[in-house]
Amino acid sequence: MYSYKVVEVREKMLGGKMSGDKLEDLLNEHARQGWRLKAITSAEIKGRVGPGGVEGLLVTFEREG
């Protein structure tokens, strides 16, 4: 049996411009907790304020258990 976790990633959450290094840090942080990358999807993610969304990523992880 697998568990899944989806993380919404916006540039703001990474402290400014999205970069490979910052995404790599996020992936390694979850890997240390036993999560394995399943998929990365580009998406418009709804913000907390206002009707529009912002460009971001949906990062899907899986792990057994």
PDB file of N, CA and C in Angstrom:
ATOM      1  N   MET A   1       0.842  -1.184   0.000  1.00  0.00           N
ATOM      2  CA  MET A   1       0.000   0.000   0.000  1.00  0.00           C
ATOM      3  C   MET A   1       0.889   1.250   0.000  1.00  0.00           C
ATOM      4  N   TYR A   2       0.482   2.243  -0.777  1.00  0.00           N
ATOM      5  CA  TYR A   2       1.248   3.487  -0.886  1.00  0.00           C
ATOM      6  C   TYR A   2       0.475   4.657  -0.295  1.00  0.00           C
ATOM      7  N   SER A   3       1.207   5.618   0.204  1.00  0.00           N
ATOM      8  CA  SER A   3       0.648   6.905   0.627  1.00  0.00           C
ATOM      9  C   SER A   3       1.156   7.945  -0.349  1.00  0.00           C
ATOM     10  N   TYR A   4       0.352   8.971  -0.577  1.00  0.00           N
ATOM     11  CA  TYR A   4       0.724  10.023  -1.506  1.00  0.00           C
ATOM     12  C   TYR A   4       0.641  11.380  -0.829  1.00  0.00           C
ATOM     13  N   LYS A   5       1.483  12.289  -1.271  1.00  0.00           N
ATOM     14  CA  LYS A   5       1.524  13.638  -0.736  1.00  0.00           C
ATOM     15  C   LYS A   5       1.727  14.581  -1.919  1.00  0.00           C
ATOM     16  N   VAL A   6       0.890  15.620  -2.012  1.00  0.00           N
ATOM     17  CA  VAL A   6       1.017  16.608  -3.080  1.00  0.00           C
ATOM     18  C   VAL A   6       1.395  17.939  -2.448  1.00  0.00           C
ATOM     19  N   VAL A   7       2.478  18.521  -2.929  1.00  0.00           N
ATOM     20  CA  VAL A   7       2.971  19.793  -2.408  1.00  0.00           C
ATOM     21  C   VAL A   7       2.814  20.850  -3.494  1.00  0.00           C
ATOM     22  N   GLU A   8       2.127  21.964  -3.145  1.00  0.00           N
ATOM     23  CA  GLU A   8       2.004  23.095  -4.064  1.00  0.00           C
ATOM     24  C   GLU A   8       3.231  23.966  -3.889  1.00  0.00           C
ATOM     25  N   VAL A   9       3.916  24.242  -4.971  1.00  0.00           N
ATOM     26  CA  VAL A   9       5.130  25.051  -4.898  1.00  0.00           C
ATOM     27  C   VAL A   9       4.938  26.308  -5.733  1.00  0.00           C
ATOM     28  N   ARG A  10       5.016  27.458  -5.068  1.00  0.00           N
ATOM     29  CA  ARG A  10       4.979  28.747  -5.745  1.00  0.00           C
ATOM     30  C   ARG A  10       6.340  29.394  -5.548  1.00  0.00           C
ATOM     31  N   GLU A  11       6.681  30.301  -6.430  1.00  0.00           N
ATOM     32  CA  GLU A  11       7.981  30.972  -6.310  1.00  0.00           C
ATOM     33  C   GLU A  11       8.160  31.572  -4.927  1.00  0.00           C
ATOM     34  N   LYS A  12       7.101  32.180  -4.388  1.00  0.00           N
ATOM     35  CA  LYS A  12       7.188  32.814  -3.066  1.00  0.00           C
ATOM     36  C   LYS A  12       7.597  31.812  -1.989  1.00  0.00           C
ATOM     37  N   MET A  13       7.102  30.585  -2.104  1.00  0.00           N
ATOM     38  CA  MET A  13       7.411  29.565  -1.093  1.00  0.00           C
ATOM     39  C   MET A  13       8.885  29.184  -1.116  1.00  0.00           C
ATOM     40  N   LEU A  14       9.536  29.391  -2.258  1.00  0.00           N
ATOM     41  CA  LEU A  14      10.947  29.039  -2.378  1.00  0.00           C
ATOM     42  C   LEU A  14      11.840  30.245  -2.095  1.00  0.00           C
ATOM     43  N   GLY A  15      11.232  31.347  -1.648  1.00  0.00           N
ATOM     44  CA  GLY A  15      12.021  32.521  -1.305  1.00  0.00           C
ATOM     45  C   GLY A  15      12.478  33.302  -2.514  1.00  0.00           C
ATOM     46  N   GLY A  16      11.565  33.534  -3.446  1.00  0.00           N
ATOM     47  CA  GLY A  16      11.935  34.300  -4.631  1.00  0.00           C
ATOM     48  C   GLY A  16      11.885  33.442  -5.866  1.00  0.00           C
ATOM     49  N   LYS A  17      12.776  33.694  -6.770  1.00  0.00           N
ATOM     50  CA  LYS A  17      12.799  32.966  -8.044  1.00  0.00           C
ATOM     51  C   LYS A  17      12.936  31.465  -7.828  1.00  0.00           C
ATOM     52  N   MET A  18      12.138  30.721  -8.591  1.00  0.00           N
ATOM     53  CA  MET A  18      12.239  29.271  -8.530  1.00  0.00           C
ATOM     54  C   MET A  18      13.530  28.862  -9.242  1.00  0.00           C
ATOM     55  N   SER A  19      14.299  28.000  -8.627  1.00  0.00           N
ATOM     56  CA  SER A  19      15.541  27.554  -9.248  1.00  0.00           C
ATOM     57  C   SER A  19      15.686  26.057  -9.054  1.00  0.00           C
ATOM     58  N   GLY A  20      16.570  25.478  -9.843  1.00  0.00           N
ATOM     59  CA  GLY A  20      16.828  24.053  -9.710  1.00  0.00           C
ATOM     60  C   GLY A  20      17.345  23.695  -8.331  1.00  0.00           C
ATOM     61  N   ASP A  21      18.216  24.553  -7.783  1.00  0.00           N
ATOM     62  CA  ASP A  21      18.779  24.284  -6.458  1.00  0.00           C
ATOM     63  C   ASP A  21      17.695  24.255  -5.390  1.00  0.00           C
ATOM     64  N   LYS A  22      16.770  25.204  -5.460  1.00  0.00           N
ATOM     65  CA  LYS A  22      15.714  25.269  -4.441  1.00  0.00           C
ATOM     66  C   LYS A  22      14.757  24.094  -4.576  1.00  0.00           C
ATOM     67  N   LEU A  23      14.448  23.707  -5.807  1.00  0.00           N
ATOM     68  CA  LEU A  23      13.588  22.545  -6.014  1.00  0.00           C
ATOM     69  C   LEU A  23      14.302  21.283  -5.543  1.00  0.00           C
ATOM     70  N   GLU A  24      15.597  21.193  -5.804  1.00  0.00           N
ATOM     71  CA  GLU A  24      16.391  20.055  -5.359  1.00  0.00           C
ATOM     72  C   GLU A  24      16.378  19.949  -3.835  1.00  0.00           C
ATOM     73  N   ASP A  25      16.495  21.078  -3.150  1.00  0.00           N
ATOM     74  CA  ASP A  25      16.432  21.078  -1.679  1.00  0.00           C
ATOM     75  C   ASP A  25      15.100  20.526  -1.190  1.00  0.00           C
ATOM     76  N   LEU A  26      14.004  20.958  -1.836  1.00  0.00           N
ATOM     77  CA  LEU A  26      12.673  20.476  -1.463  1.00  0.00           C
ATOM     78  C   LEU A  26      12.571  18.968  -1.655  1.00  0.00           C
ATOM     79  N   LEU A  27      13.062  18.471  -2.799  1.00  0.00           N
ATOM     80  CA  LEU A  27      12.996  17.036  -3.086  1.00  0.00           C
ATOM     81  C   LEU A  27      13.829  16.236  -2.085  1.00  0.00           C
ATOM     82  N   ASN A  28      15.034  16.722  -1.780  1.00  0.00           N
ATOM     83  CA  ASN A  28      15.897  16.008  -0.831  1.00  0.00           C
ATOM     84  C   ASN A  28      15.319  16.011   0.577  1.00  0.00           C
ATOM     85  N   GLU A  29      14.666  17.111   0.954  1.00  0.00           N
ATOM     86  CA  GLU A  29      14.034  17.186   2.280  1.00  0.00           C
ATOM     87  C   GLU A  29      12.962  16.104   2.407  1.00  0.00           C
ATOM     88  N   HIS A  30      12.143  15.929   1.378  1.00  0.00           N
ATOM     89  CA  HIS A  30      11.103  14.902   1.426  1.00  0.00           C
ATOM     90  C   HIS A  30      11.709  13.501   1.316  1.00  0.00           C
ATOM     91  N   ALA A  31      12.775  13.348   0.555  1.00  0.00           N
ATOM     92  CA  ALA A  31      13.432  12.040   0.430  1.00  0.00           C
ATOM     93  C   ALA A  31      13.941  11.574   1.791  1.00  0.00           C
ATOM     94  N   ARG A  32      14.458  12.501   2.593  1.00  0.00           N
ATOM     95  CA  ARG A  32      14.940  12.139   3.932  1.00  0.00           C
ATOM     96  C   ARG A  32      13.816  11.610   4.819  1.00  0.00           C
ATOM     97  N   GLN A  33      12.571  12.011   4.498  1.00  0.00           N
ATOM     98  CA  GLN A  33      11.409  11.545   5.262  1.00  0.00           C
ATOM     99  C   GLN A  33      10.794  10.285   4.647  1.00  0.00           C
ATOM    100  N   GLY A  34      11.475   9.733   3.621  1.00  0.00           N
ATOM    101  CA  GLY A  34      11.013   8.491   3.023  1.00  0.00           C
ATOM    102  C   GLY A  34      10.123   8.663   1.809  1.00  0.00           C
ATOM    103  N   TRP A  35       9.914   9.891   1.354  1.00  0.00           N
ATOM    104  CA  TRP A  35       9.070  10.129   0.182  1.00  0.00           C
ATOM    105  C   TRP A  35       9.887  10.002  -1.099  1.00  0.00           C
ATOM    106  N   ARG A  36       9.260   9.466  -2.143  1.00  0.00           N
ATOM    107  CA  ARG A  36       9.885   9.326  -3.453  1.00  0.00           C
ATOM    108  C   ARG A  36       9.088  10.165  -4.450  1.00  0.00           C
ATOM    109  N   LEU A  37       9.790  10.901  -5.298  1.00  0.00           N
ATOM    110  CA  LEU A  37       9.132  11.732  -6.294  1.00  0.00           C
ATOM    111  C   LEU A  37       8.337  10.870  -7.258  1.00  0.00           C
ATOM    112  N   LYS A  38       7.083  11.223  -7.468  1.00  0.00           N
ATOM    113  CA  LYS A  38       6.222  10.504  -8.408  1.00  0.00           C
ATOM    114  C   LYS A  38       6.005  11.335  -9.670  1.00  0.00           C
ATOM    115  N   ALA A  39       5.734  12.646  -9.505  1.00  0.00           N
ATOM    116  CA  ALA A  39       5.464  13.493 -10.667  1.00  0.00           C
ATOM    117  C   ALA A  39       5.625  14.960 -10.303  1.00  0.00           C
ATOM    118  N   ILE A  40       5.967  15.768 -11.313  1.00  0.00           N
ATOM    119  CA  ILE A  40       5.962  17.224 -11.174  1.00  0.00           C
ATOM    120  C   ILE A  40       5.085  17.751 -12.304  1.00  0.00           C
ATOM    121  N   THR A  41       4.078  18.538 -11.940  1.00  0.00           N
ATOM    122  CA  THR A  41       3.134  19.067 -12.906  1.00  0.00           C
ATOM    123  C   THR A  41       3.076  20.576 -12.797  1.00  0.00           C
ATOM    124  N   SER A  42       3.166  21.265 -13.918  1.00  0.00           N
ATOM    125  CA  SER A  42       3.012  22.713 -13.939  1.00  0.00           C
ATOM    126  C   SER A  42       1.522  23.010 -13.816  1.00  0.00           C
ATOM    127  N   ALA A  43       1.175  23.997 -12.985  1.00  0.00           N
ATOM    128  CA  ALA A  43      -0.239  24.291 -12.765  1.00  0.00           C
ATOM    129  C   ALA A  43      -0.427  25.738 -12.348  1.00  0.00           C
ATOM    130  N   GLU A  44      -1.648  26.218 -12.547  1.00  0.00           N
ATOM    131  CA  GLU A  44      -2.012  27.519 -12.001  1.00  0.00           C
ATOM    132  C   GLU A  44      -2.583  27.239 -10.619  1.00  0.00           C
ATOM    133  N   ILE A  45      -1.932  27.778  -9.595  1.00  0.00           N
ATOM    134  CA  ILE A  45      -2.313  27.494  -8.217  1.00  0.00           C
ATOM    135  C   ILE A  45      -3.027  28.700  -7.644  1.00  0.00           C
ATOM    136  N   LYS A  46      -4.197  28.465  -7.081  1.00  0.00           N
ATOM    137  CA  LYS A  46      -4.971  29.570  -6.516  1.00  0.00           C
ATOM    138  C   LYS A  46      -4.236  30.183  -5.338  1.00  0.00           C
ATOM    139  N   GLY A  47      -4.212  31.512  -5.319  1.00  0.00           N
ATOM    140  CA  GLY A  47      -3.618  32.230  -4.204  1.00  0.00           C
ATOM    141  C   GLY A  47      -4.641  32.432  -3.101  1.00  0.00           C
ATOM    142  N   ARG A  48      -4.198  32.879  -1.965  1.00  0.00           N
ATOM    143  CA  ARG A  48      -5.103  33.115  -0.851  1.00  0.00           C
ATOM    144  C   ARG A  48      -5.921  34.389  -1.047  1.00  0.00           C
ATOM    145  N   VAL A  49      -5.362  35.335  -1.795  1.00  0.00           N
ATOM    146  CA  VAL A  49      -6.030  36.607  -1.999  1.00  0.00           C
ATOM    147  C   VAL A  49      -6.288  36.807  -3.472  1.00  0.00           C
ATOM    148  N   GLY A  50      -7.480  37.251  -3.816  1.00  0.00           N
ATOM    149  CA  GLY A  50      -7.788  37.574  -5.200  1.00  0.00           C
ATOM    150  C   GLY A  50      -8.293  36.384  -5.976  1.00  0.00           C
ATOM    151  N   PRO A  51      -8.911  36.680  -7.128  1.00  0.00           N
ATOM    152  CA  PRO A  51      -9.538  35.622  -7.921  1.00  0.00           C
ATOM    153  C   PRO A  51      -8.568  34.815  -8.772  1.00  0.00           C
ATOM    154  N   GLY A  52      -7.423  35.390  -9.132  1.00  0.00           N
ATOM    155  CA  GLY A  52      -6.499  34.716 -10.048  1.00  0.00           C
ATOM    156  C   GLY A  52      -5.647  33.674  -9.379  1.00  0.00           C
ATOM    157  N   GLY A  53      -4.831  33.054 -10.176  1.00  0.00           N
ATOM    158  CA  GLY A  53      -3.884  32.079  -9.671  1.00  0.00           C
ATOM    159  C   GLY A  53      -2.483  32.494 -10.057  1.00  0.00           C
ATOM    160  N   VAL A  54      -1.531  31.748  -9.587  1.00  0.00           N
ATOM    161  CA  VAL A  54      -0.139  32.010  -9.943  1.00  0.00           C
ATOM    162  C   VAL A  54       0.457  30.741 -10.522  1.00  0.00           C
ATOM    163  N   GLU A  55       1.438  30.924 -11.398  1.00  0.00           N
ATOM    164  CA  GLU A  55       2.124  29.763 -11.957  1.00  0.00           C
ATOM    165  C   GLU A  55       2.885  29.044 -10.846  1.00  0.00           C
ATOM    166  N   GLY A  56       2.796  27.772 -10.839  1.00  0.00           N
ATOM    167  CA  GLY A  56       3.520  27.008  -9.840  1.00  0.00           C
ATOM    168  C   GLY A  56       3.634  25.560 -10.263  1.00  0.00           C
ATOM    169  N   LEU A  57       4.051  24.752  -9.327  1.00  0.00           N
ATOM    170  CA  LEU A  57       4.230  23.325  -9.576  1.00  0.00           C
ATOM    171  C   LEU A  57       3.439  22.529  -8.548  1.00  0.00           C
ATOM    172  N   LEU A  58       2.897  21.422  -8.972  1.00  0.00           N
ATOM    173  CA  LEU A  58       2.353  20.426  -8.054  1.00  0.00           C
ATOM    174  C   LEU A  58       3.361  19.289  -8.054  1.00  0.00           C
ATOM    175  N   VAL A  59       3.947  19.037  -6.898  1.00  0.00           N
ATOM    176  CA  VAL A  59       4.955  17.990  -6.764  1.00  0.00           C
ATOM    177  C   VAL A  59       4.327  16.831  -5.995  1.00  0.00           C
ATOM    178  N   THR A  60       4.244  15.680  -6.643  1.00  0.00           N
ATOM    179  CA  THR A  60       3.596  14.511  -6.034  1.00  0.00           C
ATOM    180  C   THR A  60       4.653  13.513  -5.582  1.00  0.00           C
ATOM    181  N   PHE A  61       4.533  13.108  -4.317  1.00  0.00           N
ATOM    182  CA  PHE A  61       5.447  12.125  -3.724  1.00  0.00           C
ATOM    183  C   PHE A  61       4.663  10.879  -3.350  1.00  0.00           C
ATOM    184  N   GLU A  62       5.360   9.753  -3.271  1.00  0.00           N
ATOM    185  CA  GLU A  62       4.753   8.521  -2.772  1.00  0.00           C
ATOM    186  C   GLU A  62       5.733   7.809  -1.864  1.00  0.00           C
ATOM    187  N   ARG A  63       5.184   7.018  -0.955  1.00  0.00           N
ATOM    188  CA  ARG A  63       6.005   6.138  -0.131  1.00  0.00           C
ATOM    189  C   ARG A  63       5.149   4.958   0.314  1.00  0.00           C
ATOM    190  N   GLU A  64       5.818   3.876   0.599  1.00  0.00           N
ATOM    191  CA  GLU A  64       5.099   2.692   1.060  1.00  0.00           C
ATOM    192  C   GLU A  64       4.708   2.865   2.519  1.00  0.00           C
ATOM    193  N   GLY A  65       3.551   2.321   2.843  1.00  0.00           N
ATOM    194  CA  GLY A  65       3.151   2.344   4.239  1.00  0.00           C
ATOM    195  C   GLY A  65       1.953   3.124   4.549  1.00  0.00           C
TER     196      GLY A  65
END
